[in-house]
Amino acid sequence: MFRLIFSLILLSCIACSEIDRDNLLDPGNPSSTRENTILVEAFINTSSNIPAQITYNKEALNALEELKNIYKDRIIVCEYHWNTTNPVYLDPLSLNNSASVYDTYIDAQEKEEERVKGVPDIFINGALNRVQGASSAQNVVNRAKVFAGNILDKMADYTLEADIVNQGNNINITYRIARLGNQTSDEMRLRILTTYNSG
């Protein structure tokens, strides 16, 4: 009994001591770091009315699978099913939000000639790293790897952690965001994507 009580007292004293700031995962550490993660947002159309000889969207989907194999847990891929301007090609998986996000990315393009819509259209970590079209899956992979390499060579500026609680038919998610490297941050605008990890 004495040993058990002594152990508890010892642990309590340790728990109350000052925490060292040498953990690189601690945002309070001036040298804190995180590896970057690639977010790939792909706008595609999988309408059954697309002629069999037009394989651009299939090539893009194959490229996304290859990118996931290459980058493993350092990549997140989100597919947005977008209805083209041609009403013949209605994608049954299309959501209104897909069009809204796509419009935002198109509007962010710097040059007028770059504001052309068309699927497949792939964006990597935002609007400026763009791969449009897919003559082949390998072509998409090669173009995407240039952007991905530049992103992964740098450390992340922020870290985001989420606490997820299931509440019946609802999911309550609390986010914690920290600026790394003992740097301050001005106002931020966030768009949160909740994804399902299929393993």
Protein backbone atom coordinates (compact mmCIF):
# COMPACT_ATOMS: atom_id res chain seq x y z
CA MET A 1 0.00 0.00 0.00
CA PHE A 2 2.84 2.38 0.86
CA ARG A 3 4.49 1.82 -2.51
CA LEU A 4 1.26 2.55 -4.35
CA ILE A 5 0.70 5.82 -2.47
CA PHE A 6 4.32 6.86 -3.02
CA SER A 7 4.03 6.22 -6.73
CA LEU A 8 0.90 8.33 -6.99
CA ILE A 9 2.53 11.22 -5.12
CA LEU A 10 5.61 11.00 -7.33
CA LEU A 11 3.52 11.03 -10.49
CA SER A 12 1.56 14.02 -9.21
CA CYS A 13 4.76 15.98 -8.63
CA ILE A 14 6.01 15.18 -12.12
CA ALA A 15 2.71 16.20 -13.69
CA CYS A 16 2.85 19.61 -12.00
CA SER A 17 6.37 20.41 -13.15
CA GLU A 18 7.15 22.84 -15.98
CA ILE A 19 6.68 21.32 -19.44
CA ASP A 20 9.76 21.50 -21.64
CA ARG A 21 9.26 23.43 -24.87
CA ASP A 22 11.58 21.21 -26.91
CA ASN A 23 8.82 19.16 -28.51
CA LEU A 24 8.69 20.02 -32.21
CA LEU A 25 4.98 19.20 -32.28
CA ASP A 26 4.21 21.79 -29.60
CA PRO A 27 2.98 25.04 -31.24
CA GLY A 28 4.40 26.95 -28.25
CA ASN A 29 7.90 25.90 -29.24
CA PRO A 30 9.52 28.59 -31.44
CA SER A 31 10.97 25.80 -33.59
CA SER A 32 7.76 23.80 -33.87
CA THR A 33 7.22 22.14 -37.24
CA ARG A 34 4.81 19.91 -39.12
CA GLU A 35 5.16 18.19 -42.45
CA ASN A 36 2.98 19.62 -45.18
CA THR A 37 0.03 17.69 -46.57
CA ILE A 38 -1.24 17.92 -50.13
CA LEU A 39 -4.92 18.67 -50.64
CA VAL A 40 -6.03 17.71 -54.14
CA GLU A 41 -9.46 18.93 -55.21
CA ALA A 42 -10.56 17.37 -58.48
CA PHE A 43 -13.57 18.55 -60.46
CA ILE A 44 -14.80 15.76 -62.70
CA ASN A 45 -17.88 14.59 -64.54
CA THR A 46 -18.95 10.95 -64.60
CA SER A 47 -22.14 11.28 -66.62
CA SER A 48 -23.14 8.08 -68.40
CA ASN A 49 -23.86 10.20 -71.49
CA ILE A 50 -20.19 10.94 -72.11
CA PRO A 51 -19.14 9.04 -75.27
CA ALA A 52 -16.90 6.03 -74.59
CA GLN A 53 -14.05 7.45 -76.67
CA ILE A 54 -13.84 10.55 -74.45
CA THR A 55 -11.78 9.30 -71.52
CA TYR A 56 -10.42 12.50 -69.97
CA ASN A 57 -12.31 12.09 -66.71
CA LYS A 58 -11.39 8.41 -66.42
CA GLU A 59 -7.75 9.27 -66.99
CA ALA A 60 -7.96 11.92 -64.27
CA LEU A 61 -9.50 9.45 -61.82
CA ASN A 62 -6.75 6.93 -62.58
CA ALA A 63 -4.19 9.67 -61.97
CA LEU A 64 -5.72 10.45 -58.58
CA GLU A 65 -5.35 6.81 -57.56
CA GLU A 66 -1.72 6.86 -58.65
CA LEU A 67 -1.06 10.05 -56.67
CA LYS A 68 -2.57 8.43 -53.57
CA ASN A 69 -0.24 5.47 -54.04
CA ILE A 70 2.75 7.78 -54.35
CA TYR A 71 2.10 10.14 -51.45
CA LYS A 72 0.26 7.79 -49.07
CA ASP A 73 -0.81 9.60 -45.89
CA ARG A 74 0.57 12.94 -47.07
CA ILE A 75 -2.22 13.48 -49.58
CA ILE A 76 -5.96 14.10 -49.26
CA VAL A 77 -8.05 13.77 -52.41
CA CYS A 78 -11.51 15.31 -52.72
CA GLU A 79 -13.68 14.68 -55.77
CA TYR A 80 -16.25 17.27 -56.81
CA HIS A 81 -18.73 16.09 -59.41
CA TRP A 82 -19.50 19.09 -61.59
CA ASN A 83 -22.21 19.46 -64.21
CA THR A 84 -20.70 21.01 -67.31
CA THR A 85 -22.36 23.84 -69.20
CA ASN A 86 -23.78 21.18 -71.52
CA PRO A 87 -27.06 19.90 -69.98
CA VAL A 88 -26.53 16.55 -71.70
CA TYR A 89 -23.76 15.68 -69.26
CA LEU A 90 -25.53 15.74 -65.91
CA ASP A 91 -23.52 13.99 -63.24
CA PRO A 92 -25.80 12.14 -60.76
CA LEU A 93 -23.30 12.82 -57.95
CA SER A 94 -23.16 16.58 -58.52
CA LEU A 95 -23.89 18.94 -55.60
CA ASN A 96 -24.59 22.66 -55.66
CA ASN A 97 -21.57 23.20 -53.44
CA SER A 98 -19.33 21.73 -56.14
CA ALA A 99 -20.24 24.50 -58.56
CA SER A 100 -19.74 27.14 -55.87
CA VAL A 101 -16.24 25.96 -54.98
CA TYR A 102 -15.30 25.64 -58.65
CA ASP A 103 -16.48 29.19 -59.38
CA THR A 104 -14.34 30.47 -56.50
CA TYR A 105 -11.23 28.79 -57.88
CA ILE A 106 -11.90 29.94 -61.43
CA ASP A 107 -12.40 33.54 -60.29
CA ALA A 108 -9.04 33.38 -58.49
CA GLN A 109 -7.14 32.77 -61.73
CA GLU A 110 -4.93 35.75 -62.54
CA LYS A 111 -5.39 35.87 -66.32
CA GLU A 112 -8.64 36.02 -68.25
CA GLU A 113 -7.59 33.18 -70.55
CA GLU A 114 -7.04 30.99 -67.49
CA ARG A 115 -10.65 31.37 -66.36
CA VAL A 116 -11.86 28.70 -68.75
CA LYS A 117 -14.09 26.05 -67.21
CA GLY A 118 -13.86 22.41 -68.15
CA VAL A 119 -13.44 19.02 -66.57
CA PRO A 120 -11.31 17.38 -65.46
CA ASP A 121 -9.85 20.29 -63.52
CA ILE A 122 -7.55 19.62 -60.57
CA PHE A 123 -6.31 22.08 -57.94
CA ILE A 124 -3.52 21.32 -55.48
CA ASN A 125 -3.47 23.22 -52.18
CA GLY A 126 -5.56 26.06 -53.52
CA ALA A 127 -6.46 27.80 -56.73
CA LEU A 128 -3.02 28.61 -58.11
CA ASN A 129 -1.64 25.08 -58.55
CA ARG A 130 -3.84 23.83 -61.36
CA VAL A 131 -3.83 20.83 -63.68
CA GLN A 132 -6.60 21.07 -66.28
CA GLY A 133 -7.31 18.36 -68.82
CA ALA A 134 -6.08 14.79 -68.92
CA SER A 135 -4.66 13.46 -72.17
CA SER A 136 -3.40 10.54 -70.09
CA ALA A 137 -3.21 9.56 -66.44
CA GLN A 138 0.59 9.72 -66.53
CA ASN A 139 0.50 13.25 -67.91
CA VAL A 140 -1.68 14.36 -65.00
CA VAL A 141 0.59 12.61 -62.49
CA ASN A 142 3.70 14.24 -63.93
CA ARG A 143 2.18 17.71 -63.86
CA ALA A 144 0.76 17.26 -60.36
CA LYS A 145 4.07 15.99 -58.98
CA VAL A 146 5.74 19.30 -59.82
CA PHE A 147 3.30 21.21 -57.61
CA ALA A 148 3.28 18.49 -54.95
CA GLY A 149 7.06 18.42 -54.71
CA ASN A 150 7.26 22.16 -54.17
CA ILE A 151 4.67 21.95 -51.39
CA LEU A 152 6.15 18.95 -49.60
CA ASP A 153 9.64 20.45 -49.64
CA LYS A 154 8.38 23.13 -47.25
CA MET A 155 7.15 22.73 -43.70
CA ALA A 156 3.56 23.63 -42.81
CA ASP A 157 2.82 27.10 -41.44
CA TYR A 158 -0.18 25.92 -39.43
CA THR A 159 -1.42 22.86 -37.65
CA LEU A 160 -5.06 21.88 -37.31
CA GLU A 161 -6.46 19.32 -34.91
CA ALA A 162 -10.07 18.21 -34.65
CA ASP A 163 -12.12 16.64 -31.87
CA ILE A 164 -15.08 14.73 -33.30
CA VAL A 165 -18.06 13.68 -31.19
CA ASN A 166 -20.99 11.69 -32.55
CA GLN A 167 -24.29 13.01 -31.20
CA GLY A 168 -27.08 10.88 -32.60
CA ASN A 169 -27.58 11.90 -36.21
CA ASN A 170 -25.19 14.84 -35.83
CA ILE A 171 -21.44 15.15 -35.67
CA ASN A 172 -19.97 17.88 -33.48
CA ILE A 173 -16.48 18.91 -34.59
CA THR A 174 -14.24 21.27 -32.64
CA TYR A 175 -11.17 22.60 -34.45
CA ARG A 176 -7.95 23.89 -32.95
CA ILE A 177 -5.66 25.86 -35.25
CA ALA A 178 -2.16 27.01 -34.32
CA ARG A 179 0.41 29.07 -36.20
CA LEU A 180 3.72 27.21 -35.99
CA GLY A 181 7.22 28.50 -35.40
CA ASN A 182 6.24 31.11 -32.79
CA GLN A 183 4.78 33.32 -35.51
CA THR A 184 1.67 35.45 -35.22
CA SER A 185 -1.15 35.35 -37.74
CA ASP A 186 -3.59 37.98 -38.94
CA GLU A 187 -7.22 37.35 -39.77
CA MET A 188 -7.85 34.07 -41.53
CA ARG A 189 -10.60 32.79 -43.74
CA LEU A 190 -11.19 29.06 -43.45
CA ARG A 191 -13.05 26.55 -45.53
CA ILE A 192 -13.28 23.28 -43.63
CA LEU A 193 -13.48 19.98 -45.49
CA THR A 194 -14.61 16.94 -43.54
CA THR A 195 -13.41 13.78 -45.26
CA TYR A 196 -13.86 10.09 -44.62
CA ASN A 197 -10.71 8.02 -44.14
CA SER A 198 -11.35 4.74 -45.93
CA GLY A 199 -7.96 3.39 -44.91
